[in-house]
Amino acid sequence: MEWTLESIGPVEVDVVREYIEEGMRAGHEAVRAGREKITLPEEVLDAYTEVDGQAYEPGTSHLLSALLACADAPGGLTPEVLSGVLSFCYEGLLEREDLPGPSVEEERQNAKFLEAIAFQKRCISDALGRTV
């Protein structure tokens, strides 16, 4: 998610940016503590719908969805959950680039999408301990 955030650039809407920052802090804390999932305070979870309603900047709603997927994972950050997170991140990049009806060919010609796919493959490879 952090890589995607850096790739899409600054989030202008304060409430959305602050929500994402809160979630990223919780994520970093969970990783440092060795927890299997990200725990967000109830008030943060309760504010999700309102914040998402203000996520009109391209790609930001997908980032919020990725964050919620991590926090709403009763079984922890399973491969299925993480696959969904990677998908939300990629969709956020697609939306941010604002291609008119992106096709596979357009995605294959876009350096940012190729970089995102390569990055996600490296993440999966690292997690599996092998080349994907």
N, C-alpha and C. Protein backbone atom coordinates (compact mmCIF):
# COMPACT_ATOMS: atom_id res chain seq x y z
N MET A 1 0.83 -1.19 0.00
CA MET A 1 0.00 0.00 0.00
C MET A 1 0.87 1.25 0.00
N GLU A 2 1.95 1.19 0.75
CA GLU A 2 2.84 2.35 0.82
C GLU A 2 3.41 2.69 -0.55
N TRP A 3 3.82 1.68 -1.28
CA TRP A 3 4.35 1.89 -2.62
C TRP A 3 3.29 2.53 -3.51
N THR A 4 2.08 2.04 -3.42
CA THR A 4 0.99 2.58 -4.23
C THR A 4 0.71 4.03 -3.87
N LEU A 5 0.69 4.32 -2.58
CA LEU A 5 0.47 5.70 -2.14
C LEU A 5 1.52 6.64 -2.72
N GLU A 6 2.77 6.22 -2.68
CA GLU A 6 3.84 7.04 -3.24
C GLU A 6 3.67 7.19 -4.75
N SER A 7 3.20 6.15 -5.40
CA SER A 7 3.05 6.16 -6.86
C SER A 7 1.92 7.06 -7.33
N ILE A 8 0.83 7.11 -6.56
CA ILE A 8 -0.30 7.93 -7.01
C ILE A 8 -0.11 9.40 -6.68
N GLY A 9 0.80 9.68 -5.78
CA GLY A 9 1.06 11.08 -5.43
C GLY A 9 0.23 11.53 -4.25
N PRO A 10 0.35 12.82 -3.93
CA PRO A 10 -0.30 13.34 -2.73
C PRO A 10 -1.83 13.24 -2.79
N VAL A 11 -2.40 12.93 -1.64
CA VAL A 11 -3.86 12.93 -1.49
C VAL A 11 -4.23 14.30 -0.97
N GLU A 12 -5.06 15.00 -1.71
CA GLU A 12 -5.38 16.40 -1.40
C GLU A 12 -6.46 16.57 -0.33
N VAL A 13 -7.43 15.65 -0.28
CA VAL A 13 -8.54 15.79 0.66
C VAL A 13 -8.05 15.41 2.05
N ASP A 14 -8.05 16.39 2.95
CA ASP A 14 -7.48 16.20 4.28
C ASP A 14 -8.02 14.98 5.01
N VAL A 15 -9.33 14.83 5.07
CA VAL A 15 -9.93 13.75 5.85
C VAL A 15 -9.52 12.38 5.27
N VAL A 16 -9.41 12.29 3.96
CA VAL A 16 -9.02 11.03 3.32
C VAL A 16 -7.54 10.76 3.59
N ARG A 17 -6.72 11.77 3.40
CA ARG A 17 -5.28 11.63 3.64
C ARG A 17 -5.02 11.24 5.10
N GLU A 18 -5.69 11.90 6.03
CA GLU A 18 -5.49 11.60 7.46
C GLU A 18 -5.96 10.18 7.81
N TYR A 19 -7.05 9.74 7.20
CA TYR A 19 -7.55 8.38 7.45
C TYR A 19 -6.53 7.36 6.95
N ILE A 20 -6.01 7.58 5.76
CA ILE A 20 -5.01 6.67 5.20
C ILE A 20 -3.75 6.69 6.06
N GLU A 21 -3.33 7.87 6.49
CA GLU A 21 -2.14 7.96 7.35
C GLU A 21 -2.35 7.20 8.66
N GLU A 22 -3.53 7.32 9.24
CA GLU A 22 -3.86 6.59 10.48
C GLU A 22 -3.77 5.09 10.24
N GLY A 23 -4.33 4.64 9.13
CA GLY A 23 -4.27 3.22 8.81
C GLY A 23 -2.86 2.73 8.55
N MET A 24 -2.05 3.56 7.88
CA MET A 24 -0.67 3.17 7.61
C MET A 24 0.13 3.10 8.91
N ARG A 25 -0.12 4.03 9.83
CA ARG A 25 0.55 3.97 11.14
C ARG A 25 0.18 2.67 11.86
N ALA A 26 -1.11 2.33 11.84
CA ALA A 26 -1.56 1.09 12.47
C ALA A 26 -0.92 -0.12 11.80
N GLY A 27 -0.78 -0.06 10.49
CA GLY A 27 -0.14 -1.15 9.75
C GLY A 27 1.32 -1.32 10.12
N HIS A 28 2.04 -0.21 10.18
CA HIS A 28 3.45 -0.27 10.56
C HIS A 28 3.61 -0.82 11.99
N GLU A 29 2.72 -0.37 12.86
CA GLU A 29 2.77 -0.84 14.25
C GLU A 29 2.50 -2.35 14.31
N ALA A 30 1.53 -2.82 13.53
CA ALA A 30 1.21 -4.25 13.52
C ALA A 30 2.40 -5.07 13.02
N VAL A 31 3.06 -4.58 12.00
CA VAL A 31 4.23 -5.29 11.47
C VAL A 31 5.34 -5.34 12.51
N ARG A 32 5.62 -4.19 13.12
CA ARG A 32 6.68 -4.15 14.15
C ARG A 32 6.37 -5.09 15.31
N ALA A 33 5.09 -5.22 15.65
CA ALA A 33 4.69 -6.06 16.78
C ALA A 33 4.52 -7.53 16.37
N GLY A 34 4.64 -7.82 15.07
CA GLY A 34 4.50 -9.19 14.61
C GLY A 34 3.08 -9.71 14.60
N ARG A 35 2.10 -8.79 14.59
CA ARG A 35 0.70 -9.21 14.56
C ARG A 35 0.30 -9.67 13.16
N GLU A 36 -0.70 -10.52 13.10
CA GLU A 36 -1.15 -11.07 11.83
C GLU A 36 -2.20 -10.23 11.13
N LYS A 37 -2.63 -9.16 11.77
CA LYS A 37 -3.60 -8.28 11.12
C LYS A 37 -3.46 -6.87 11.67
N ILE A 38 -4.04 -5.94 10.96
CA ILE A 38 -4.02 -4.54 11.37
C ILE A 38 -5.29 -4.28 12.16
N THR A 39 -5.14 -3.68 13.32
CA THR A 39 -6.30 -3.34 14.14
C THR A 39 -6.47 -1.82 14.12
N LEU A 40 -7.62 -1.39 13.65
CA LEU A 40 -7.95 0.03 13.66
C LEU A 40 -8.92 0.30 14.80
N PRO A 41 -8.78 1.44 15.46
CA PRO A 41 -9.74 1.78 16.53
C PRO A 41 -11.17 1.82 15.97
N GLU A 42 -12.13 1.49 16.83
CA GLU A 42 -13.53 1.45 16.41
C GLU A 42 -13.98 2.77 15.76
N GLU A 43 -13.55 3.90 16.33
CA GLU A 43 -13.98 5.18 15.76
C GLU A 43 -13.44 5.38 14.35
N VAL A 44 -12.29 4.81 14.05
CA VAL A 44 -11.74 4.88 12.70
C VAL A 44 -12.57 4.00 11.77
N LEU A 45 -12.85 2.78 12.20
CA LEU A 45 -13.69 1.89 11.39
C LEU A 45 -15.07 2.50 11.17
N ASP A 46 -15.64 3.10 12.22
CA ASP A 46 -16.97 3.71 12.11
C ASP A 46 -16.99 4.87 11.12
N ALA A 47 -15.87 5.55 10.94
CA ALA A 47 -15.80 6.71 10.06
C ALA A 47 -15.57 6.33 8.59
N TYR A 48 -15.34 5.05 8.31
CA TYR A 48 -14.97 4.62 6.96
C TYR A 48 -15.96 5.11 5.90
N THR A 49 -17.23 4.86 6.08
CA THR A 49 -18.23 5.20 5.06
C THR A 49 -18.24 6.70 4.79
N GLU A 50 -18.17 7.49 5.84
CA GLU A 50 -18.15 8.95 5.68
C GLU A 50 -16.90 9.41 4.94
N VAL A 51 -15.76 8.86 5.32
CA VAL A 51 -14.50 9.23 4.66
C VAL A 51 -14.51 8.79 3.21
N ASP A 52 -14.97 7.57 2.95
CA ASP A 52 -15.02 7.07 1.58
C ASP A 52 -15.94 7.93 0.72
N GLY A 53 -16.97 8.48 1.31
CA GLY A 53 -17.86 9.38 0.58
C GLY A 53 -17.18 10.67 0.14
N GLN A 54 -16.06 10.99 0.75
CA GLN A 54 -15.30 12.19 0.39
C GLN A 54 -14.06 11.86 -0.45
N ALA A 55 -13.91 10.60 -0.80
CA ALA A 55 -12.74 10.15 -1.56
C ALA A 55 -13.02 10.29 -3.06
N TYR A 56 -13.18 11.51 -3.50
CA TYR A 56 -13.49 11.75 -4.91
C TYR A 56 -12.24 11.81 -5.79
N GLU A 57 -11.07 11.92 -5.18
CA GLU A 57 -9.84 11.92 -5.98
C GLU A 57 -9.64 10.53 -6.57
N PRO A 58 -9.30 10.44 -7.83
CA PRO A 58 -9.10 9.12 -8.44
C PRO A 58 -8.11 8.27 -7.65
N GLY A 59 -8.50 7.03 -7.42
CA GLY A 59 -7.64 6.06 -6.75
C GLY A 59 -7.77 6.01 -5.25
N THR A 60 -8.26 7.06 -4.63
CA THR A 60 -8.26 7.10 -3.17
C THR A 60 -9.28 6.14 -2.54
N SER A 61 -10.41 5.96 -3.17
CA SER A 61 -11.41 5.03 -2.63
C SER A 61 -10.84 3.61 -2.64
N HIS A 62 -10.06 3.28 -3.66
CA HIS A 62 -9.45 1.95 -3.71
C HIS A 62 -8.43 1.77 -2.58
N LEU A 63 -7.68 2.82 -2.27
CA LEU A 63 -6.73 2.74 -1.16
C LEU A 63 -7.46 2.55 0.17
N LEU A 64 -8.57 3.24 0.33
CA LEU A 64 -9.37 3.06 1.54
C LEU A 64 -9.89 1.62 1.62
N SER A 65 -10.30 1.07 0.49
CA SER A 65 -10.77 -0.32 0.47
C SER A 65 -9.66 -1.29 0.83
N ALA A 66 -8.45 -1.02 0.33
CA ALA A 66 -7.30 -1.88 0.65
C ALA A 66 -7.02 -1.85 2.15
N LEU A 67 -7.09 -0.66 2.70
CA LEU A 67 -6.85 -0.50 4.14
C LEU A 67 -7.92 -1.23 4.95
N LEU A 68 -9.16 -1.08 4.57
CA LEU A 68 -10.25 -1.75 5.29
C LEU A 68 -10.11 -3.27 5.16
N ALA A 69 -9.69 -3.75 4.01
CA ALA A 69 -9.51 -5.19 3.83
C ALA A 69 -8.49 -5.73 4.82
N CYS A 70 -7.43 -4.97 5.06
CA CYS A 70 -6.41 -5.39 6.03
C CYS A 70 -6.96 -5.39 7.45
N ALA A 71 -7.79 -4.41 7.75
CA ALA A 71 -8.30 -4.27 9.12
C ALA A 71 -9.50 -5.18 9.38
N ASP A 72 -10.18 -5.58 8.32
CA ASP A 72 -11.38 -6.41 8.46
C ASP A 72 -11.07 -7.83 8.01
N ALA A 73 -10.00 -8.39 8.57
CA ALA A 73 -9.56 -9.73 8.20
C ALA A 73 -9.54 -10.61 9.45
N PRO A 74 -10.70 -11.20 9.81
CA PRO A 74 -10.77 -11.97 11.05
C PRO A 74 -9.74 -13.10 11.11
N GLY A 75 -9.39 -13.66 9.96
CA GLY A 75 -8.42 -14.75 9.93
C GLY A 75 -6.99 -14.27 9.75
N GLY A 76 -6.79 -12.96 9.82
CA GLY A 76 -5.47 -12.39 9.61
C GLY A 76 -5.21 -12.08 8.15
N LEU A 77 -4.00 -11.69 7.86
CA LEU A 77 -3.63 -11.29 6.50
C LEU A 77 -3.27 -12.53 5.69
N THR A 78 -4.30 -13.25 5.32
CA THR A 78 -4.14 -14.48 4.55
C THR A 78 -3.77 -14.14 3.11
N PRO A 79 -3.32 -15.13 2.34
CA PRO A 79 -3.03 -14.88 0.93
C PRO A 79 -4.24 -14.30 0.18
N GLU A 80 -5.43 -14.74 0.52
CA GLU A 80 -6.63 -14.24 -0.15
C GLU A 80 -6.84 -12.75 0.15
N VAL A 81 -6.67 -12.37 1.42
CA VAL A 81 -6.82 -10.97 1.81
C VAL A 81 -5.77 -10.13 1.11
N LEU A 82 -4.54 -10.60 1.13
CA LEU A 82 -3.46 -9.82 0.51
C LEU A 82 -3.61 -9.73 -1.00
N SER A 83 -4.16 -10.76 -1.61
CA SER A 83 -4.44 -10.70 -3.05
C SER A 83 -5.46 -9.60 -3.34
N GLY A 84 -6.47 -9.50 -2.49
CA GLY A 84 -7.46 -8.43 -2.64
C GLY A 84 -6.84 -7.06 -2.44
N VAL A 85 -5.94 -6.95 -1.47
CA VAL A 85 -5.26 -5.67 -1.21
C VAL A 85 -4.44 -5.27 -2.44
N LEU A 86 -3.69 -6.22 -3.00
CA LEU A 86 -2.90 -5.92 -4.20
C LEU A 86 -3.81 -5.49 -5.36
N SER A 87 -4.96 -6.12 -5.47
CA SER A 87 -5.91 -5.76 -6.51
C SER A 87 -6.45 -4.35 -6.31
N PHE A 88 -6.83 -4.02 -5.08
CA PHE A 88 -7.31 -2.66 -4.79
C PHE A 88 -6.23 -1.63 -5.13
N CYS A 89 -4.99 -1.95 -4.78
CA CYS A 89 -3.90 -1.02 -5.06
C CYS A 89 -3.72 -0.81 -6.56
N TYR A 90 -3.76 -1.89 -7.31
CA TYR A 90 -3.60 -1.78 -8.77
C TYR A 90 -4.76 -1.00 -9.38
N GLU A 91 -5.97 -1.30 -8.93
CA GLU A 91 -7.15 -0.57 -9.44
C GLU A 91 -7.05 0.92 -9.11
N GLY A 92 -6.51 1.23 -7.94
CA GLY A 92 -6.30 2.64 -7.59
C GLY A 92 -5.35 3.33 -8.56
N LEU A 93 -4.29 2.64 -8.94
CA LEU A 93 -3.36 3.20 -9.92
C LEU A 93 -4.04 3.39 -11.27
N LEU A 94 -4.82 2.40 -11.67
CA LEU A 94 -5.55 2.51 -12.95
C LEU A 94 -6.44 3.74 -12.95
N GLU A 95 -7.19 3.90 -11.88
CA GLU A 95 -8.11 5.03 -11.79
C GLU A 95 -7.36 6.35 -11.76
N ARG A 96 -6.24 6.40 -11.07
CA ARG A 96 -5.46 7.64 -10.93
C ARG A 96 -4.88 8.08 -12.27
N GLU A 97 -4.51 7.10 -13.09
CA GLU A 97 -3.94 7.42 -14.41
C GLU A 97 -5.00 7.95 -15.37
N ASP A 98 -6.26 7.68 -15.06
CA ASP A 98 -7.38 8.20 -15.83
C ASP A 98 -7.30 7.87 -17.32
N LEU A 99 -6.98 6.62 -17.63
CA LEU A 99 -6.99 6.18 -19.02
C LEU A 99 -8.44 5.97 -19.44
N PRO A 100 -8.78 6.37 -20.66
CA PRO A 100 -10.16 6.16 -21.12
C PRO A 100 -10.39 4.69 -21.43
N GLY A 101 -11.07 3.99 -20.52
CA GLY A 101 -11.36 2.56 -20.73
C GLY A 101 -10.09 1.77 -20.98
N PRO A 102 -9.22 1.67 -19.97
CA PRO A 102 -7.92 1.04 -20.20
C PRO A 102 -8.05 -0.40 -20.70
N SER A 103 -7.28 -0.69 -21.71
CA SER A 103 -7.23 -2.05 -22.24
C SER A 103 -5.94 -2.70 -21.77
N VAL A 104 -5.86 -3.99 -21.96
CA VAL A 104 -4.64 -4.70 -21.59
C VAL A 104 -3.45 -4.12 -22.36
N GLU A 105 -3.66 -3.78 -23.62
CA GLU A 105 -2.58 -3.21 -24.43
C GLU A 105 -2.11 -1.87 -23.87
N GLU A 106 -3.06 -1.03 -23.45
CA GLU A 106 -2.69 0.26 -22.85
C GLU A 106 -1.92 0.06 -21.55
N GLU A 107 -2.35 -0.91 -20.76
CA GLU A 107 -1.66 -1.19 -19.51
C GLU A 107 -0.24 -1.68 -19.77
N ARG A 108 -0.07 -2.50 -20.80
CA ARG A 108 1.25 -3.03 -21.13
C ARG A 108 2.19 -1.96 -21.70
N GLN A 109 1.63 -0.84 -22.13
CA GLN A 109 2.44 0.25 -22.68
C GLN A 109 2.68 1.36 -21.67
N ASN A 110 2.12 1.23 -20.50
CA ASN A 110 2.23 2.26 -19.48
C ASN A 110 3.30 1.86 -18.47
N ALA A 111 4.32 2.68 -18.36
CA ALA A 111 5.46 2.37 -17.48
C ALA A 111 5.02 2.21 -16.03
N LYS A 112 4.08 3.02 -15.58
CA LYS A 112 3.64 2.94 -14.18
C LYS A 112 2.97 1.60 -13.88
N PHE A 113 2.16 1.11 -14.82
CA PHE A 113 1.48 -0.17 -14.61
C PHE A 113 2.48 -1.32 -14.64
N LEU A 114 3.43 -1.24 -15.56
CA LEU A 114 4.46 -2.28 -15.62
C LEU A 114 5.28 -2.30 -14.33
N GLU A 115 5.58 -1.12 -13.82
CA GLU A 115 6.33 -1.02 -12.57
C GLU A 115 5.50 -1.60 -11.41
N ALA A 116 4.20 -1.29 -11.39
CA ALA A 116 3.33 -1.81 -10.33
C ALA A 116 3.27 -3.33 -10.38
N ILE A 117 3.13 -3.89 -11.56
CA ILE A 117 3.07 -5.35 -11.69
C ILE A 117 4.39 -5.97 -11.25
N ALA A 118 5.50 -5.39 -11.66
CA ALA A 118 6.81 -5.91 -11.26
C ALA A 118 6.97 -5.83 -9.74
N PHE A 119 6.55 -4.72 -9.16
CA PHE A 119 6.65 -4.57 -7.70
C PHE A 119 5.81 -5.61 -6.98
N GLN A 120 4.56 -5.79 -7.44
CA GLN A 120 3.69 -6.76 -6.80
C GLN A 120 4.22 -8.17 -6.95
N LYS A 121 4.80 -8.49 -8.10
CA LYS A 121 5.41 -9.81 -8.28
C LYS A 121 6.56 -10.01 -7.31
N ARG A 122 7.38 -8.97 -7.11
CA ARG A 122 8.48 -9.08 -6.15
C ARG A 122 7.96 -9.31 -4.74
N CYS A 123 6.89 -8.61 -4.38
CA CYS A 123 6.29 -8.80 -3.05
C CYS A 123 5.82 -10.24 -2.87
N ILE A 124 5.17 -10.77 -3.87
CA ILE A 124 4.68 -12.15 -3.81
C ILE A 124 5.85 -13.12 -3.74
N SER A 125 6.85 -12.88 -4.57
CA SER A 125 8.05 -13.74 -4.56
C SER A 125 8.72 -13.73 -3.21
N ASP A 126 8.88 -12.55 -2.65
CA ASP A 126 9.51 -12.44 -1.33
C ASP A 126 8.71 -13.20 -0.28
N ALA A 127 7.38 -13.07 -0.36
CA ALA A 127 6.52 -13.74 0.62
C ALA A 127 6.60 -15.26 0.49
N LEU A 128 6.74 -15.72 -0.75
CA LEU A 128 6.79 -17.16 -1.00
C LEU A 128 8.21 -17.71 -0.89
N GLY A 129 9.18 -16.79 -0.92
CA GLY A 129 10.57 -17.23 -0.86
C GLY A 129 11.04 -17.85 -2.16
N ARG A 130 10.40 -17.44 -3.28
CA ARG A 130 10.81 -17.96 -4.59
C ARG A 130 10.44 -16.97 -5.68
N THR A 131 10.89 -17.24 -6.88
CA THR A 131 10.60 -16.38 -8.02
C THR A 131 9.22 -16.72 -8.58
N VAL A 132 8.43 -15.65 -8.81
CA VAL A 132 7.09 -15.83 -9.39
C VAL A 132 7.14 -15.42 -10.84
